[in-house]
Amino acid sequence: MGKYRYSKDRKSIEGFTDFRDWRIAIWFKSSKIVGKKDFKNPKNWDKNLVNDYMLGFDLLIIRGWISWSSGGMHLEIKEN
């Protein structure tokens, strides 16, 4: 994601927090997601959790992240 401050209509951009929030950071996040094993039985999802990791960076005007997990289920939403 990239961001910029220039616009002919400055009022529309200044209202968004992404355009006012300038920072330099590297961050890490860990969470639990439902695993592939026994996925078709929703009653057992609480016993079938795997780790999901996210590593990201904020460098003033550029923000990015990468996410990975081992054995987790991800929903794929298709637009018509």
C-alpha atoms as a PDB file:
ATOM      1  CA  MET A   1       0.000   0.000   0.000  1.00  0.00           C
ATOM      2  CA  GLY A   2       1.352   3.400  -0.842  1.00  0.00           C
ATOM      3  CA  LYS A   3       0.092   6.788   0.248  1.00  0.00           C
ATOM      4  CA  TYR A   4       0.556  10.368  -0.800  1.00  0.00           C
ATOM      5  CA  ARG A   5      -0.548  13.772   0.453  1.00  0.00           C
ATOM      6  CA  TYR A   6      -0.991  15.731  -2.779  1.00  0.00           C
ATOM      7  CA  SER A   7      -4.518  16.326  -3.991  1.00  0.00           C
ATOM      8  CA  LYS A   8      -6.454  19.232  -5.453  1.00  0.00           C
ATOM      9  CA  ASP A   9      -9.110  18.677  -2.805  1.00  0.00           C
ATOM     10  CA  ARG A  10      -6.961  18.567   0.385  1.00  0.00           C
ATOM     11  CA  LYS A  11      -9.993  18.224   2.675  1.00  0.00           C
ATOM     12  CA  SER A  12     -10.842  14.740   1.350  1.00  0.00           C
ATOM     13  CA  ILE A  13      -7.387  13.294   2.086  1.00  0.00           C
ATOM     14  CA  GLU A  14      -6.794  14.946   5.469  1.00  0.00           C
ATOM     15  CA  GLY A  15      -9.850  13.152   6.876  1.00  0.00           C
ATOM     16  CA  PHE A  16      -8.311   9.696   6.479  1.00  0.00           C
ATOM     17  CA  THR A  17      -6.040   8.433   9.271  1.00  0.00           C
ATOM     18  CA  ASP A  18      -3.738   6.581   6.824  1.00  0.00           C
ATOM     19  CA  PHE A  19      -2.705   9.880   5.279  1.00  0.00           C
ATOM     20  CA  ARG A  20      -2.052  11.588   8.635  1.00  0.00           C
ATOM     21  CA  ASP A  21      -0.232   8.635  10.219  1.00  0.00           C
ATOM     22  CA  TRP A  22       3.438   8.743   9.229  1.00  0.00           C
ATOM     23  CA  ARG A  23       5.643   6.181  10.990  1.00  0.00           C
ATOM     24  CA  ILE A  24       8.649   3.930  10.642  1.00  0.00           C
ATOM     25  CA  ALA A  25       8.123   0.492  12.156  1.00  0.00           C
ATOM     26  CA  ILE A  26       8.634  -3.241  11.773  1.00  0.00           C
ATOM     27  CA  TRP A  27       5.980  -5.358  13.474  1.00  0.00           C
ATOM     28  CA  PHE A  28       5.058  -8.994  14.093  1.00  0.00           C
ATOM     29  CA  LYS A  29       1.652 -10.512  14.858  1.00  0.00           C
ATOM     30  CA  SER A  30       0.672 -14.066  15.777  1.00  0.00           C
ATOM     31  CA  SER A  31      -2.869 -15.465  15.868  1.00  0.00           C
ATOM     32  CA  LYS A  32      -4.733 -18.776  15.750  1.00  0.00           C
ATOM     33  CA  ILE A  33      -6.765 -19.994  12.757  1.00  0.00           C
ATOM     34  CA  VAL A  34      -8.731 -23.177  12.014  1.00  0.00           C
ATOM     35  CA  GLY A  35      -6.602 -25.958  10.531  1.00  0.00           C
ATOM     36  CA  LYS A  36      -7.299 -28.221   7.542  1.00  0.00           C
ATOM     37  CA  LYS A  37      -7.517 -31.391   9.640  1.00  0.00           C
ATOM     38  CA  ASP A  38     -11.159 -32.239  10.456  1.00  0.00           C
ATOM     39  CA  PHE A  39     -12.329 -28.922   8.936  1.00  0.00           C
ATOM     40  CA  LYS A  40     -15.737 -30.317   7.917  1.00  0.00           C
ATOM     41  CA  ASN A  41     -16.747 -30.768  11.568  1.00  0.00           C
ATOM     42  CA  PRO A  42     -17.315 -27.251  13.017  1.00  0.00           C
ATOM     43  CA  LYS A  43     -17.895 -28.637  16.529  1.00  0.00           C
ATOM     44  CA  ASN A  44     -14.207 -29.630  16.722  1.00  0.00           C
ATOM     45  CA  TRP A  45     -12.725 -26.380  15.377  1.00  0.00           C
ATOM     46  CA  ASP A  46     -11.595 -25.298  18.861  1.00  0.00           C
ATOM     47  CA  LYS A  47      -9.372 -28.422  19.029  1.00  0.00           C
ATOM     48  CA  ASN A  48      -7.990 -27.860  15.526  1.00  0.00           C
ATOM     49  CA  LEU A  49      -6.268 -24.448  15.755  1.00  0.00           C
ATOM     50  CA  VAL A  50      -2.914 -23.701  14.105  1.00  0.00           C
ATOM     51  CA  ASN A  51      -0.657 -20.634  14.261  1.00  0.00           C
ATOM     52  CA  ASP A  52      -0.844 -17.855  11.681  1.00  0.00           C
ATOM     53  CA  TYR A  53       1.997 -15.314  11.542  1.00  0.00           C
ATOM     54  CA  MET A  54       2.242 -11.849  10.019  1.00  0.00           C
ATOM     55  CA  LEU A  55       5.383  -9.735   9.568  1.00  0.00           C
ATOM     56  CA  GLY A  56       5.038  -6.166   8.369  1.00  0.00           C
ATOM     57  CA  PHE A  57       6.735  -2.826   7.941  1.00  0.00           C
ATOM     58  CA  ASP A  58       5.714   0.830   7.806  1.00  0.00           C
ATOM     59  CA  LEU A  59       8.255   3.082   6.094  1.00  0.00           C
ATOM     60  CA  LEU A  60       6.697   6.572   5.988  1.00  0.00           C
ATOM     61  CA  ILE A  61       4.973   6.281   2.586  1.00  0.00           C
ATOM     62  CA  ILE A  62       5.125   2.520   1.987  1.00  0.00           C
ATOM     63  CA  ARG A  63       3.374  -0.130   4.061  1.00  0.00           C
ATOM     64  CA  GLY A  64       3.555  -3.873   3.455  1.00  0.00           C
ATOM     65  CA  TRP A  65       3.204  -7.217   5.148  1.00  0.00           C
ATOM     66  CA  ILE A  66       3.552 -10.935   4.581  1.00  0.00           C
ATOM     67  CA  SER A  67       1.430 -13.609   6.220  1.00  0.00           C
ATOM     68  CA  TRP A  68       2.085 -17.352   6.523  1.00  0.00           C
ATOM     69  CA  SER A  69       0.655 -20.393   8.272  1.00  0.00           C
ATOM     70  CA  SER A  70       1.220 -24.130   8.214  1.00  0.00           C
ATOM     71  CA  GLY A  71      -1.888 -26.264   7.769  1.00  0.00           C
ATOM     72  CA  GLY A  72      -4.473 -23.485   8.091  1.00  0.00           C
ATOM     73  CA  MET A  73      -7.645 -22.949   6.086  1.00  0.00           C
ATOM     74  CA  HIS A  74      -8.119 -19.730   4.102  1.00  0.00           C
ATOM     75  CA  LEU A  75     -11.399 -18.668   2.522  1.00  0.00           C
ATOM     76  CA  GLU A  76     -11.330 -17.776  -1.152  1.00  0.00           C
ATOM     77  CA  ILE A  77     -14.115 -15.411  -2.127  1.00  0.00           C
ATOM     78  CA  LYS A  78     -14.957 -15.276  -5.823  1.00  0.00           C
ATOM     79  CA  GLU A  79     -16.757 -12.296  -7.281  1.00  0.00           C
ATOM     80  CA  ASN A  80     -19.476 -12.901  -9.870  1.00  0.00           C
END
